[in-house]
Amino acid sequence: MHPHLEHVFARLDRSRAALRTAIDSVPAATRTARPAPEQWSVAEVVEHLSIVERLFGDRLADALNAAAEALGPEQAARAPLPDPIEARMADRINKRKAIDAAQPRGAVSCEQAWAAIEREHQRLREVVGRGDGLALGQVTSDHPFFGTLSVYQWIELIAAHESRHTEQIKEIAAAHAV
């Protein structure tokens, strides 16, 4: 595997492991309980992640399909996810409202949502893996808030998004412990 992909997939693996640890720290019986009426439950957070990762995966698949024929070998240095995006994703003080399409509906269990995340990650690895060694840094797709991101940056954004919500789950666990 190309070192650029190894790097971003390793970050994604670390974020996924931390997310699973955070979920497991909350007793299964309380994963559907909201810490406050206007806050999501653990199950809703995981459902949100599964929705967003499907949406992000669809964007990447479309971008890769459109560019596949024209790509040469990867030769450029990997541009990391820009620091302002990293900072915004890590900021848990300023809350954000997810777009309607990414709002959890509360229709799936935490484990069903987790299984959906696992499926989406597998699909992401397959879709992006087909371009292994090609100039994926040149394949871009626009994010409605963060602007144009390369395939590598999108994968890092997924990891940063998971990390953001891992912290949210830790906050929910702490609220339930009080």
Foldseek 3Di string as FASTA:
>chain_A
DDPLVVVLVVLLVVLLVLLVVLVVLAPLVQQQPALDPVGGGVLQLLLLLLQVLVVLLVQLLVLCVVCVVPWDFADDDADEQDPVLLVVLQDPPDDDDDPPSSGGPSPDGSVVSVVSNVVSVVSSCVSVVVCPRTRQQPRWDADPPRGIGGSSHSSNSSSSNSNSVSVVSNVRRVSVVD
